[in-house]
């Protein structure tokens, strides 16, 4: 497990405002890839990233079929790039879902249908 640094936390938590949103990469159970910008990616704790899924199709379907994901952070101007590999967990209800929602940037919540 990675130990996310303070720099990672600051950059990732402010990525949408800094116009450097993270990209989430997934693959279906049959290997079909998918990518999507996720402006709500955040450092949840020292070893975990989280994001608020507002689209609820495509990437979410893939995660439910195959939890292996990659998150890419890239700030070209700062020449800072990170790639995180791991397994995602979907929280449809419960306290972790509520914590993620409470920490999600307002702009992403405002776009949630």
Protein backbone atom coordinates (compact mmCIF):
# COMPACT_ATOMS: atom_id res chain seq x y z
CA UNK A 1 0.00 0.00 0.00
CA UNK A 2 1.20 3.51 -0.79
CA UNK A 3 1.66 6.19 1.83
CA UNK A 4 0.18 9.28 0.20
CA UNK A 5 2.31 12.36 0.91
CA UNK A 6 1.20 15.86 1.89
CA UNK A 7 2.13 17.09 -1.60
CA UNK A 8 -0.03 14.39 -3.18
CA UNK A 9 -2.90 15.29 -0.89
CA UNK A 10 -2.69 19.01 -1.67
CA UNK A 11 -2.38 18.51 -5.43
CA UNK A 12 -5.05 15.82 -5.77
CA UNK A 13 -7.54 17.50 -3.43
CA UNK A 14 -7.25 20.73 -5.43
CA UNK A 15 -6.94 19.15 -8.86
CA UNK A 16 -10.29 20.32 -10.22
CA UNK A 17 -9.72 23.92 -9.10
CA UNK A 18 -6.20 23.79 -10.57
CA UNK A 19 -7.52 22.42 -13.89
CA UNK A 20 -5.63 19.14 -13.45
CA UNK A 21 -8.44 16.64 -12.75
CA UNK A 22 -7.50 13.01 -12.32
CA UNK A 23 -8.30 10.36 -14.89
CA UNK A 24 -9.76 7.03 -13.79
CA UNK A 25 -9.03 3.98 -15.95
CA UNK A 26 -11.06 0.80 -15.65
CA UNK A 27 -11.61 -2.43 -17.57
CA UNK A 28 -14.71 -4.58 -17.80
CA UNK A 29 -14.72 -8.26 -16.89
CA UNK A 30 -13.94 -8.98 -20.57
CA UNK A 31 -11.11 -6.43 -20.69
CA UNK A 32 -12.91 -3.54 -22.41
CA UNK A 33 -11.05 -0.40 -21.25
CA UNK A 34 -12.62 2.89 -20.27
CA UNK A 35 -11.25 6.25 -19.12
CA UNK A 36 -12.92 9.23 -17.53
CA UNK A 37 -12.01 12.52 -15.91
CA UNK A 38 -12.98 12.56 -12.25
CA UNK A 39 -12.91 16.02 -10.72
CA UNK A 40 -13.89 14.70 -7.31
CA UNK A 41 -10.86 12.45 -6.71
CA UNK A 42 -9.54 13.07 -3.21
CA UNK A 43 -7.04 11.65 -0.77
CA UNK A 44 -9.37 9.88 1.65
CA UNK A 45 -6.66 8.84 4.11
CA UNK A 46 -2.93 8.02 4.09
CA UNK A 47 -3.39 5.00 1.85
CA UNK A 48 -6.62 5.52 -0.10
CA UNK A 49 -8.06 7.68 -2.83
CA UNK A 50 -11.80 8.18 -3.21
CA UNK A 51 -14.13 9.92 -5.63
CA UNK A 52 -17.82 10.68 -6.02
CA UNK A 53 -19.34 8.83 -8.98
CA UNK A 54 -22.06 11.01 -10.43
CA UNK A 55 -22.39 9.50 -13.92
CA UNK A 56 -23.26 5.98 -12.67
CA UNK A 57 -22.59 4.13 -15.92
CA UNK A 58 -19.59 2.87 -17.85
CA UNK A 59 -16.79 3.21 -15.33
CA UNK A 60 -19.01 2.21 -12.42
CA UNK A 61 -20.19 -0.89 -14.31
CA UNK A 62 -16.57 -1.79 -14.96
CA UNK A 63 -15.60 -1.36 -11.30
CA UNK A 64 -18.43 -3.62 -10.23
CA UNK A 65 -17.26 -6.26 -12.74
CA UNK A 66 -13.52 -5.80 -12.22
CA UNK A 67 -12.31 -3.70 -9.28
CA UNK A 68 -8.79 -3.11 -10.64
CA UNK A 69 -8.34 0.56 -11.49
CA UNK A 70 -5.66 3.11 -12.27
CA UNK A 71 -5.85 6.78 -11.35
CA UNK A 72 -3.63 9.23 -13.23
CA UNK A 73 -2.73 12.68 -11.92
CA UNK A 74 -0.81 14.95 -14.28
CA UNK A 75 0.17 18.59 -13.93
CA UNK A 76 2.14 19.37 -17.07
CA UNK A 77 3.12 22.88 -15.95
CA UNK A 78 4.59 21.59 -12.68
CA UNK A 79 6.03 18.46 -14.35
CA UNK A 80 4.34 16.36 -11.67
CA UNK A 81 2.79 13.05 -12.67
CA UNK A 82 1.56 10.16 -10.55
CA UNK A 83 -0.10 6.88 -11.46
CA UNK A 84 -1.90 4.94 -8.74
CA UNK A 85 -2.93 1.29 -9.19
CA UNK A 86 -5.34 -0.49 -6.89
CA UNK A 87 -8.71 -2.07 -6.34
CA UNK A 88 -11.84 0.01 -5.99
CA UNK A 89 -14.75 -0.60 -3.66
CA UNK A 90 -18.21 0.77 -4.41
CA UNK A 91 -20.14 2.09 -1.41
CA UNK A 92 -23.80 2.45 -2.40
CA UNK A 93 -24.82 3.30 1.19
CA UNK A 94 -23.30 3.71 4.61
CA UNK A 95 -20.88 5.91 6.54
CA UNK A 96 -17.96 5.75 4.09
CA UNK A 97 -20.21 6.85 1.23
CA UNK A 98 -21.48 9.71 3.38
CA UNK A 99 -17.91 10.75 4.32
CA UNK A 100 -16.91 10.81 0.64
CA UNK A 101 -19.98 12.85 -0.29
CA UNK A 102 -19.30 15.32 2.54
CA UNK A 103 -15.76 15.88 1.27
CA UNK A 104 -16.62 16.04 -2.45
CA UNK A 105 -16.01 19.40 -4.13
CA UNK A 106 -19.28 21.30 -4.52
CA UNK A 107 -18.87 21.71 -8.28
CA UNK A 108 -19.08 17.93 -8.69
CA UNK A 109 -22.09 17.61 -6.40
CA UNK A 110 -23.84 20.40 -8.31
CA UNK A 111 -23.46 18.38 -11.54
CA UNK A 112 -24.82 15.18 -9.97
CA UNK A 113 -28.15 14.30 -11.55
